[in-house]
Structures are given as C-alpha cells and as structure tokens.
Amino acid sequence: MSTTFNATVNATEYPPHLKHKVIFETFDGLKAGESMLLVNDHDPKPLHYQFELERAGMYEWEYIEQGPEWFRIRIGRVGA
C-alpha cells in the first residue's frame, strides 16, 4: 500500500450537500494508478455503494483506519 496520496479530502470540512460532490470531483481528477485519501468521522458506507454504482471497475477502496473516531480510506483510480 502506498502512503503517498495525490489528493486528500477531509469530508468533515464540507457541508453534507457538498461532501459526495467534492469526493467524486477529486476522484475524477485522478489519473490511473493515483489515489486519494478520504478522512471522515463515520464509516462512509453509502459513499462506497455510490462508487460501486457510478464508478464500478474504476476504483479500489481500502480502509486504512476504521474508527471508532476517524475513518481513513484510500480510494485508488484503476484502469487506463
């Protein structure tokens, strides 16, 4: 696992209606092989489901820290 990230999104810094928008915009700006760090104060399972629906086969999802206070997830861009 790489510990270098091309971008970081701390979801706690955004209002609820912007969180997923910012996360997907950040992800979409990654090139294949790059990854972002998502930091959140709860398990973002709905976001993971949304990635599976909207970006299936395009991402890797790896928990680095799973609470209870903080959740840190590496989201990697795969493919060409």
PDB file of N, CA and C in Angstrom:
ATOM      1  N   MET A   1       0.843  -1.187   0.000  1.00  0.00           N
ATOM      2  CA  MET A   1       0.000   0.000   0.000  1.00  0.00           C
ATOM      3  C   MET A   1       0.882   1.242   0.000  1.00  0.00           C
ATOM      4  N   SER A   2       0.585   2.137  -0.876  1.00  0.00           N
ATOM      5  CA  SER A   2       1.311   3.401  -0.935  1.00  0.00           C
ATOM      6  C   SER A   2       0.811   4.330   0.168  1.00  0.00           C
ATOM      7  N   THR A   3       1.740   5.052   0.774  1.00  0.00           N
ATOM      8  CA  THR A   3       1.335   6.024   1.790  1.00  0.00           C
ATOM      9  C   THR A   3       1.359   7.433   1.220  1.00  0.00           C
ATOM     10  N   THR A   4       1.634   7.557  -0.077  1.00  0.00           N
ATOM     11  CA  THR A   4       1.608   8.851  -0.743  1.00  0.00           C
ATOM     12  C   THR A   4       0.285   8.981  -1.476  1.00  0.00           C
ATOM     13  N   PHE A   5      -0.365  10.097  -1.262  1.00  0.00           N
ATOM     14  CA  PHE A   5      -1.659  10.335  -1.894  1.00  0.00           C
ATOM     15  C   PHE A   5      -1.552  11.536  -2.821  1.00  0.00           C
ATOM     16  N   ASN A   6      -2.276  11.482  -3.915  1.00  0.00           N
ATOM     17  CA  ASN A   6      -2.281  12.588  -4.864  1.00  0.00           C
ATOM     18  C   ASN A   6      -3.265  13.672  -4.451  1.00  0.00           C
ATOM     19  N   ALA A   7      -4.186  13.331  -3.560  1.00  0.00           N
ATOM     20  CA  ALA A   7      -5.169  14.296  -3.065  1.00  0.00           C
ATOM     21  C   ALA A   7      -5.719  13.790  -1.741  1.00  0.00           C
ATOM     22  N   THR A   8      -6.197  14.716  -0.931  1.00  0.00           N
ATOM     23  CA  THR A   8      -6.833  14.379   0.344  1.00  0.00           C
ATOM     24  C   THR A   8      -8.132  15.152   0.450  1.00  0.00           C
ATOM     25  N   VAL A   9      -9.187  14.457   0.863  1.00  0.00           N
ATOM     26  CA  VAL A   9     -10.458  15.113   1.152  1.00  0.00           C
ATOM     27  C   VAL A   9     -10.830  14.794   2.593  1.00  0.00           C
ATOM     28  N   ASN A  10     -10.934  15.825   3.411  1.00  0.00           N
ATOM     29  CA  ASN A  10     -11.443  15.674   4.766  1.00  0.00           C
ATOM     30  C   ASN A  10     -12.920  16.028   4.697  1.00  0.00           C
ATOM     31  N   ALA A  11     -13.766  15.002   4.658  1.00  0.00           N
ATOM     32  CA  ALA A  11     -15.198  15.209   4.452  1.00  0.00           C
ATOM     33  C   ALA A  11     -15.843  16.028   5.566  1.00  0.00           C
ATOM     34  N   THR A  12     -15.215  16.059   6.735  1.00  0.00           N
ATOM     35  CA  THR A  12     -15.796  16.813   7.852  1.00  0.00           C
ATOM     36  C   THR A  12     -15.732  18.326   7.619  1.00  0.00           C
ATOM     37  N   GLU A  13     -14.955  18.753   6.632  1.00  0.00           N
ATOM     38  CA  GLU A  13     -14.809  20.184   6.343  1.00  0.00           C
ATOM     39  C   GLU A  13     -15.883  20.718   5.401  1.00  0.00           C
ATOM     40  N   TYR A  14     -16.741  19.839   4.898  1.00  0.00           N
ATOM     41  CA  TYR A  14     -17.749  20.240   3.910  1.00  0.00           C
ATOM     42  C   TYR A  14     -19.147  20.043   4.451  1.00  0.00           C
ATOM     43  N   PRO A  15     -20.083  20.900   4.040  1.00  0.00           N
ATOM     44  CA  PRO A  15     -21.480  20.690   4.426  1.00  0.00           C
ATOM     45  C   PRO A  15     -22.008  19.413   3.767  1.00  0.00           C
ATOM     46  N   PRO A  16     -22.998  18.782   4.387  1.00  0.00           N
ATOM     47  CA  PRO A  16     -23.499  17.493   3.879  1.00  0.00           C
ATOM     48  C   PRO A  16     -23.832  17.483   2.391  1.00  0.00           C
ATOM     49  N   HIS A  17     -24.430  18.539   1.886  1.00  0.00           N
ATOM     50  CA  HIS A  17     -24.857  18.523   0.481  1.00  0.00           C
ATOM     51  C   HIS A  17     -23.690  18.620  -0.505  1.00  0.00           C
ATOM     52  N   LEU A  18     -22.488  18.909  -0.029  1.00  0.00           N
ATOM     53  CA  LEU A  18     -21.329  19.011  -0.920  1.00  0.00           C
ATOM     54  C   LEU A  18     -20.347  17.854  -0.792  1.00  0.00           C
ATOM     55  N   LYS A  19     -20.450  17.058   0.255  1.00  0.00           N
ATOM     56  CA  LYS A  19     -19.438  16.029   0.525  1.00  0.00           C
ATOM     57  C   LYS A  19     -19.219  15.086  -0.651  1.00  0.00           C
ATOM     58  N   HIS A  20     -20.258  14.438  -1.128  1.00  0.00           N
ATOM     59  CA  HIS A  20     -20.090  13.462  -2.203  1.00  0.00           C
ATOM     60  C   HIS A  20     -19.643  14.141  -3.486  1.00  0.00           C
ATOM     61  N   LYS A  21     -20.143  15.323  -3.764  1.00  0.00           N
ATOM     62  CA  LYS A  21     -19.746  16.072  -4.961  1.00  0.00           C
ATOM     63  C   LYS A  21     -18.245  16.325  -4.950  1.00  0.00           C
ATOM     64  N   VAL A  22     -17.718  16.809  -3.842  1.00  0.00           N
ATOM     65  CA  VAL A  22     -16.283  17.095  -3.731  1.00  0.00           C
ATOM     66  C   VAL A  22     -15.467  15.810  -3.847  1.00  0.00           C
ATOM     67  N   ILE A  23     -15.920  14.753  -3.209  1.00  0.00           N
ATOM     68  CA  ILE A  23     -15.196  13.476  -3.249  1.00  0.00           C
ATOM     69  C   ILE A  23     -15.141  12.934  -4.678  1.00  0.00           C
ATOM     70  N   PHE A  24     -16.267  12.943  -5.377  1.00  0.00           N
ATOM     71  CA  PHE A  24     -16.277  12.426  -6.749  1.00  0.00           C
ATOM     72  C   PHE A  24     -15.486  13.325  -7.694  1.00  0.00           C
ATOM     73  N   GLU A  25     -15.544  14.627  -7.525  1.00  0.00           N
ATOM     74  CA  GLU A  25     -14.743  15.533  -8.359  1.00  0.00           C
ATOM     75  C   GLU A  25     -13.256  15.291  -8.135  1.00  0.00           C
ATOM     76  N   THR A  26     -12.878  15.065  -6.883  1.00  0.00           N
ATOM     77  CA  THR A  26     -11.473  14.791  -6.575  1.00  0.00           C
ATOM     78  C   THR A  26     -11.048  13.471  -7.201  1.00  0.00           C
ATOM     79  N   PHE A  27     -11.874  12.438  -7.041  1.00  0.00           N
ATOM     80  CA  PHE A  27     -11.572  11.137  -7.634  1.00  0.00           C
ATOM     81  C   PHE A  27     -11.460  11.237  -9.149  1.00  0.00           C
ATOM     82  N   ASP A  28     -12.395  11.938  -9.770  1.00  0.00           N
ATOM     83  CA  ASP A  28     -12.398  12.046 -11.226  1.00  0.00           C
ATOM     84  C   ASP A  28     -11.173  12.790 -11.757  1.00  0.00           C
ATOM     85  N   GLY A  29     -10.530  13.570 -10.910  1.00  0.00           N
ATOM     86  CA  GLY A  29      -9.316  14.276 -11.302  1.00  0.00           C
ATOM     87  C   GLY A  29      -8.056  13.423 -11.201  1.00  0.00           C
ATOM     88  N   LEU A  30      -8.177  12.214 -10.643  1.00  0.00           N
ATOM     89  CA  LEU A  30      -7.018  11.320 -10.526  1.00  0.00           C
ATOM     90  C   LEU A  30      -6.741  10.631 -11.850  1.00  0.00           C
ATOM     91  N   LYS A  31      -5.466  10.330 -12.077  1.00  0.00           N
ATOM     92  CA  LYS A  31      -5.063   9.517 -13.220  1.00  0.00           C
ATOM     93  C   LYS A  31      -4.966   8.059 -12.752  1.00  0.00           C
ATOM     94  N   ALA A  32      -4.977   7.148 -13.702  1.00  0.00           N
ATOM     95  CA  ALA A  32      -4.834   5.724 -13.370  1.00  0.00           C
ATOM     96  C   ALA A  32      -3.561   5.518 -12.552  1.00  0.00           C
ATOM     97  N   GLY A  33      -3.680   4.765 -11.467  1.00  0.00           N
ATOM     98  CA  GLY A  33      -2.553   4.493 -10.597  1.00  0.00           C
ATOM     99  C   GLY A  33      -2.422   5.483  -9.444  1.00  0.00           C
ATOM    100  N   GLU A  34      -3.149   6.584  -9.487  1.00  0.00           N
ATOM    101  CA  GLU A  34      -3.115   7.557  -8.406  1.00  0.00           C
ATOM    102  C   GLU A  34      -4.184   7.224  -7.365  1.00  0.00           C
ATOM    103  N   SER A  35      -4.032   7.810  -6.188  1.00  0.00           N
ATOM    104  CA  SER A  35      -5.018   7.563  -5.145  1.00  0.00           C
ATOM    105  C   SER A  35      -5.246   8.817  -4.309  1.00  0.00           C
ATOM    106  N   MET A  36      -6.362   8.802  -3.648  1.00  0.00           N
ATOM    107  CA  MET A  36      -6.726   9.897  -2.751  1.00  0.00           C
ATOM    108  C   MET A  36      -6.965   9.331  -1.361  1.00  0.00           C
ATOM    109  N   LEU A  37      -6.842  10.198  -0.382  1.00  0.00           N
ATOM    110  CA  LEU A  37      -7.157   9.836   0.994  1.00  0.00           C
ATOM    111  C   LEU A  37      -8.459  10.516   1.371  1.00  0.00           C
ATOM    112  N   LEU A  38      -9.403   9.728   1.838  1.00  0.00           N
ATOM    113  CA  LEU A  38     -10.661  10.261   2.354  1.00  0.00           C
ATOM    114  C   LEU A  38     -10.638  10.142   3.870  1.00  0.00           C
ATOM    115  N   VAL A  39     -10.888  11.244   4.539  1.00  0.00           N
ATOM    116  CA  VAL A  39     -10.953  11.270   6.002  1.00  0.00           C
ATOM    117  C   VAL A  39     -12.387  11.613   6.382  1.00  0.00           C
ATOM    118  N   ASN A  40     -12.967  10.832   7.295  1.00  0.00           N
ATOM    119  CA  ASN A  40     -14.348  11.064   7.693  1.00  0.00           C
ATOM    120  C   ASN A  40     -14.528  10.685   9.160  1.00  0.00           C
ATOM    121  N   ASP A  41     -15.599  11.184   9.762  1.00  0.00           N
ATOM    122  CA  ASP A  41     -15.860  10.891  11.170  1.00  0.00           C
ATOM    123  C   ASP A  41     -16.874   9.766  11.348  1.00  0.00           C
ATOM    124  N   HIS A  42     -17.257   9.107  10.261  1.00  0.00           N
ATOM    125  CA  HIS A  42     -18.112   7.920  10.329  1.00  0.00           C
ATOM    126  C   HIS A  42     -17.787   7.035   9.121  1.00  0.00           C
ATOM    127  N   ASP A  43     -18.212   5.798   9.173  1.00  0.00           N
ATOM    128  CA  ASP A  43     -17.957   4.864   8.083  1.00  0.00           C
ATOM    129  C   ASP A  43     -18.783   5.288   6.865  1.00  0.00           C
ATOM    130  N   PRO A  44     -18.141   5.638   5.757  1.00  0.00           N
ATOM    131  CA  PRO A  44     -18.881   6.150   4.597  1.00  0.00           C
ATOM    132  C   PRO A  44     -19.434   5.040   3.695  1.00  0.00           C
ATOM    133  N   LYS A  45     -20.176   4.122   4.288  1.00  0.00           N
ATOM    134  CA  LYS A  45     -20.732   3.013   3.505  1.00  0.00           C
ATOM    135  C   LYS A  45     -21.636   3.484   2.363  1.00  0.00           C
ATOM    136  N   PRO A  46     -22.519   4.482   2.573  1.00  0.00           N
ATOM    137  CA  PRO A  46     -23.333   4.938   1.436  1.00  0.00           C
ATOM    138  C   PRO A  46     -22.480   5.460   0.270  1.00  0.00           C
ATOM    139  N   LEU A  47     -21.373   6.102   0.590  1.00  0.00           N
ATOM    140  CA  LEU A  47     -20.464   6.574  -0.459  1.00  0.00           C
ATOM    141  C   LEU A  47     -19.859   5.391  -1.200  1.00  0.00           C
ATOM    142  N   HIS A  48     -19.489   4.356  -0.467  1.00  0.00           N
ATOM    143  CA  HIS A  48     -18.925   3.158  -1.104  1.00  0.00           C
ATOM    144  C   HIS A  48     -19.948   2.542  -2.064  1.00  0.00           C
ATOM    145  N   TYR A  49     -21.199   2.466  -1.644  1.00  0.00           N
ATOM    146  CA  TYR A  49     -22.254   1.948  -2.527  1.00  0.00           C
ATOM    147  C   TYR A  49     -22.403   2.827  -3.764  1.00  0.00           C
ATOM    148  N   GLN A  50     -22.297   4.136  -3.577  1.00  0.00           N
ATOM    149  CA  GLN A  50     -22.420   5.060  -4.704  1.00  0.00           C
ATOM    150  C   GLN A  50     -21.245   4.867  -5.678  1.00  0.00           C
ATOM    151  N   PHE A  51     -20.042   4.668  -5.152  1.00  0.00           N
ATOM    152  CA  PHE A  51     -18.894   4.375  -6.018  1.00  0.00           C
ATOM    153  C   PHE A  51     -19.161   3.106  -6.811  1.00  0.00           C
ATOM    154  N   GLU A  52     -19.717   2.083  -6.153  1.00  0.00           N
ATOM    155  CA  GLU A  52     -19.977   0.821  -6.834  1.00  0.00           C
ATOM    156  C   GLU A  52     -20.993   1.009  -7.960  1.00  0.00           C
ATOM    157  N   LEU A  53     -21.959   1.865  -7.766  1.00  0.00           N
ATOM    158  CA  LEU A  53     -22.963   2.117  -8.799  1.00  0.00           C
ATOM    159  C   LEU A  53     -22.431   2.992  -9.932  1.00  0.00           C
ATOM    160  N   GLU A  54     -21.703   4.040  -9.580  1.00  0.00           N
ATOM    161  CA  GLU A  54     -21.328   5.052 -10.568  1.00  0.00           C
ATOM    162  C   GLU A  54     -19.917   4.914 -11.131  1.00  0.00           C
ATOM    163  N   ARG A  55     -19.041   4.190 -10.436  1.00  0.00           N
ATOM    164  CA  ARG A  55     -17.645   4.072 -10.884  1.00  0.00           C
ATOM    165  C   ARG A  55     -17.171   2.614 -10.794  1.00  0.00           C
ATOM    166  N   ALA A  56     -18.072   1.668 -11.010  1.00  0.00           N
ATOM    167  CA  ALA A  56     -17.728   0.244 -10.910  1.00  0.00           C
ATOM    168  C   ALA A  56     -16.535  -0.081 -11.803  1.00  0.00           C
ATOM    169  N   GLY A  57     -15.554  -0.795 -11.255  1.00  0.00           N
ATOM    170  CA  GLY A  57     -14.388  -1.195 -12.005  1.00  0.00           C
ATOM    171  C   GLY A  57     -13.334  -0.109 -12.172  1.00  0.00           C
ATOM    172  N   MET A  58     -13.612   1.078 -11.661  1.00  0.00           N
ATOM    173  CA  MET A  58     -12.699   2.208 -11.840  1.00  0.00           C
ATOM    174  C   MET A  58     -11.919   2.548 -10.573  1.00  0.00           C
ATOM    175  N   TYR A  59     -12.236   1.897  -9.459  1.00  0.00           N
ATOM    176  CA  TYR A  59     -11.651   2.322  -8.191  1.00  0.00           C
ATOM    177  C   TYR A  59     -11.258   1.127  -7.327  1.00  0.00           C
ATOM    178  N   GLU A  60     -10.377   1.404  -6.366  1.00  0.00           N
ATOM    179  CA  GLU A  60     -10.047   0.482  -5.280  1.00  0.00           C
ATOM    180  C   GLU A  60     -10.384   1.201  -3.984  1.00  0.00           C
ATOM    181  N   TRP A  61     -10.930   0.478  -3.035  1.00  0.00           N
ATOM    182  CA  TRP A  61     -11.364   1.040  -1.751  1.00  0.00           C
ATOM    183  C   TRP A  61     -10.653   0.278  -0.650  1.00  0.00           C
ATOM    184  N   GLU A  62      -9.828   0.960   0.113  1.00  0.00           N
ATOM    185  CA  GLU A  62      -9.050   0.286   1.146  1.00  0.00           C
ATOM    186  C   GLU A  62      -9.092   1.092   2.443  1.00  0.00           C
ATOM    187  N   TYR A  63      -9.629   0.463   3.482  1.00  0.00           N
ATOM    188  CA  TYR A  63      -9.651   1.119   4.791  1.00  0.00           C
ATOM    189  C   TYR A  63      -8.239   1.148   5.361  1.00  0.00           C
ATOM    190  N   ILE A  64      -7.811   2.309   5.799  1.00  0.00           N
ATOM    191  CA  ILE A  64      -6.542   2.463   6.497  1.00  0.00           C
ATOM    192  C   ILE A  64      -6.818   2.530   7.996  1.00  0.00           C
ATOM    193  N   GLU A  65      -7.907   3.198   8.358  1.00  0.00           N
ATOM    194  CA  GLU A  65      -8.335   3.303   9.755  1.00  0.00           C
ATOM    195  C   GLU A  65      -9.852   3.171   9.783  1.00  0.00           C
ATOM    196  N   GLN A  66     -10.366   2.310  10.659  1.00  0.00           N
ATOM    197  CA  GLN A  66     -11.804   2.055  10.735  1.00  0.00           C
ATOM    198  C   GLN A  66     -12.348   2.395  12.105  1.00  0.00           C
ATOM    199  N   GLY A  67     -12.303   3.685  12.450  1.00  0.00           N
ATOM    200  CA  GLY A  67     -12.930   4.173  13.654  1.00  0.00           C
ATOM    201  C   GLY A  67     -12.242   3.713  14.925  1.00  0.00           C
ATOM    202  N   PRO A  68     -12.901   3.985  16.027  1.00  0.00           N
ATOM    203  CA  PRO A  68     -14.279   4.482  16.115  1.00  0.00           C
ATOM    204  C   PRO A  68     -14.397   5.995  15.870  1.00  0.00           C
ATOM    205  N   GLU A  69     -13.326   6.738  16.064  1.00  0.00           N
ATOM    206  CA  GLU A  69     -13.436   8.191  15.924  1.00  0.00           C
ATOM    207  C   GLU A  69     -13.228   8.658  14.489  1.00  0.00           C
ATOM    208  N   TRP A  70     -12.241   8.092  13.811  1.00  0.00           N
ATOM    209  CA  TRP A  70     -11.910   8.510  12.453  1.00  0.00           C
ATOM    210  C   TRP A  70     -11.882   7.325  11.511  1.00  0.00           C
ATOM    211  N   PHE A  71     -12.294   7.588  10.299  1.00  0.00           N
ATOM    212  CA  PHE A  71     -12.211   6.617   9.215  1.00  0.00           C
ATOM    213  C   PHE A  71     -11.344   7.233   8.130  1.00  0.00           C
ATOM    214  N   ARG A  72     -10.321   6.482   7.738  1.00  0.00           N
ATOM    215  CA  ARG A  72      -9.435   6.928   6.667  1.00  0.00           C
ATOM    216  C   ARG A  72      -9.439   5.844   5.596  1.00  0.00           C
ATOM    217  N   ILE A  73      -9.740   6.242   4.372  1.00  0.00           N
ATOM    218  CA  ILE A  73      -9.881   5.298   3.274  1.00  0.00           C
ATOM    219  C   ILE A  73      -9.014   5.745   2.108  1.00  0.00           C
ATOM    220  N   ARG A  74      -8.256   4.793   1.579  1.00  0.00           N
ATOM    221  CA  ARG A  74      -7.524   5.050   0.329  1.00  0.00           C
ATOM    222  C   ARG A  74      -8.447   4.670  -0.810  1.00  0.00           C
ATOM    223  N   ILE A  75      -8.707   5.621  -1.704  1.00  0.00           N
ATOM    224  CA  ILE A  75      -9.517   5.354  -2.890  1.00  0.00           C
ATOM    225  C   ILE A  75      -8.582   5.527  -4.086  1.00  0.00           C
ATOM    226  N   GLY A  76      -8.306   4.423  -4.758  1.00  0.00           N
ATOM    227  CA  GLY A  76      -7.365   4.448  -5.874  1.00  0.00           C
ATOM    228  C   GLY A  76      -8.081   4.397  -7.209  1.00  0.00           C
ATOM    229  N   ARG A  77      -7.489   5.023  -8.196  1.00  0.00           N
ATOM    230  CA  ARG A  77      -8.037   5.019  -9.563  1.00  0.00           C
ATOM    231  C   ARG A  77      -7.365   3.894 -10.328  1.00  0.00           C
ATOM    232  N   VAL A  78      -8.137   3.018 -10.912  1.00  0.00           N
ATOM    233  CA  VAL A  78      -7.601   1.909 -11.715  1.00  0.00           C
ATOM    234  C   VAL A  78      -8.028   2.083 -13.161  1.00  0.00           C
ATOM    235  N   GLY A  79      -7.391   1.337 -14.037  1.00  0.00           N
ATOM    236  CA  GLY A  79      -7.748   1.395 -15.448  1.00  0.00           C
ATOM    237  C   GLY A  79      -6.906   2.394 -16.210  1.00  0.00           C
ATOM    238  N   ALA A  80      -7.214   2.503 -17.481  1.00  0.00           N
ATOM    239  CA  ALA A  80      -6.431   3.374 -18.361  1.00  0.00           C
ATOM    240  C   ALA A  80      -6.904   4.800 -18.322  1.00  0.00           C
TER     241      ALA A  80
END
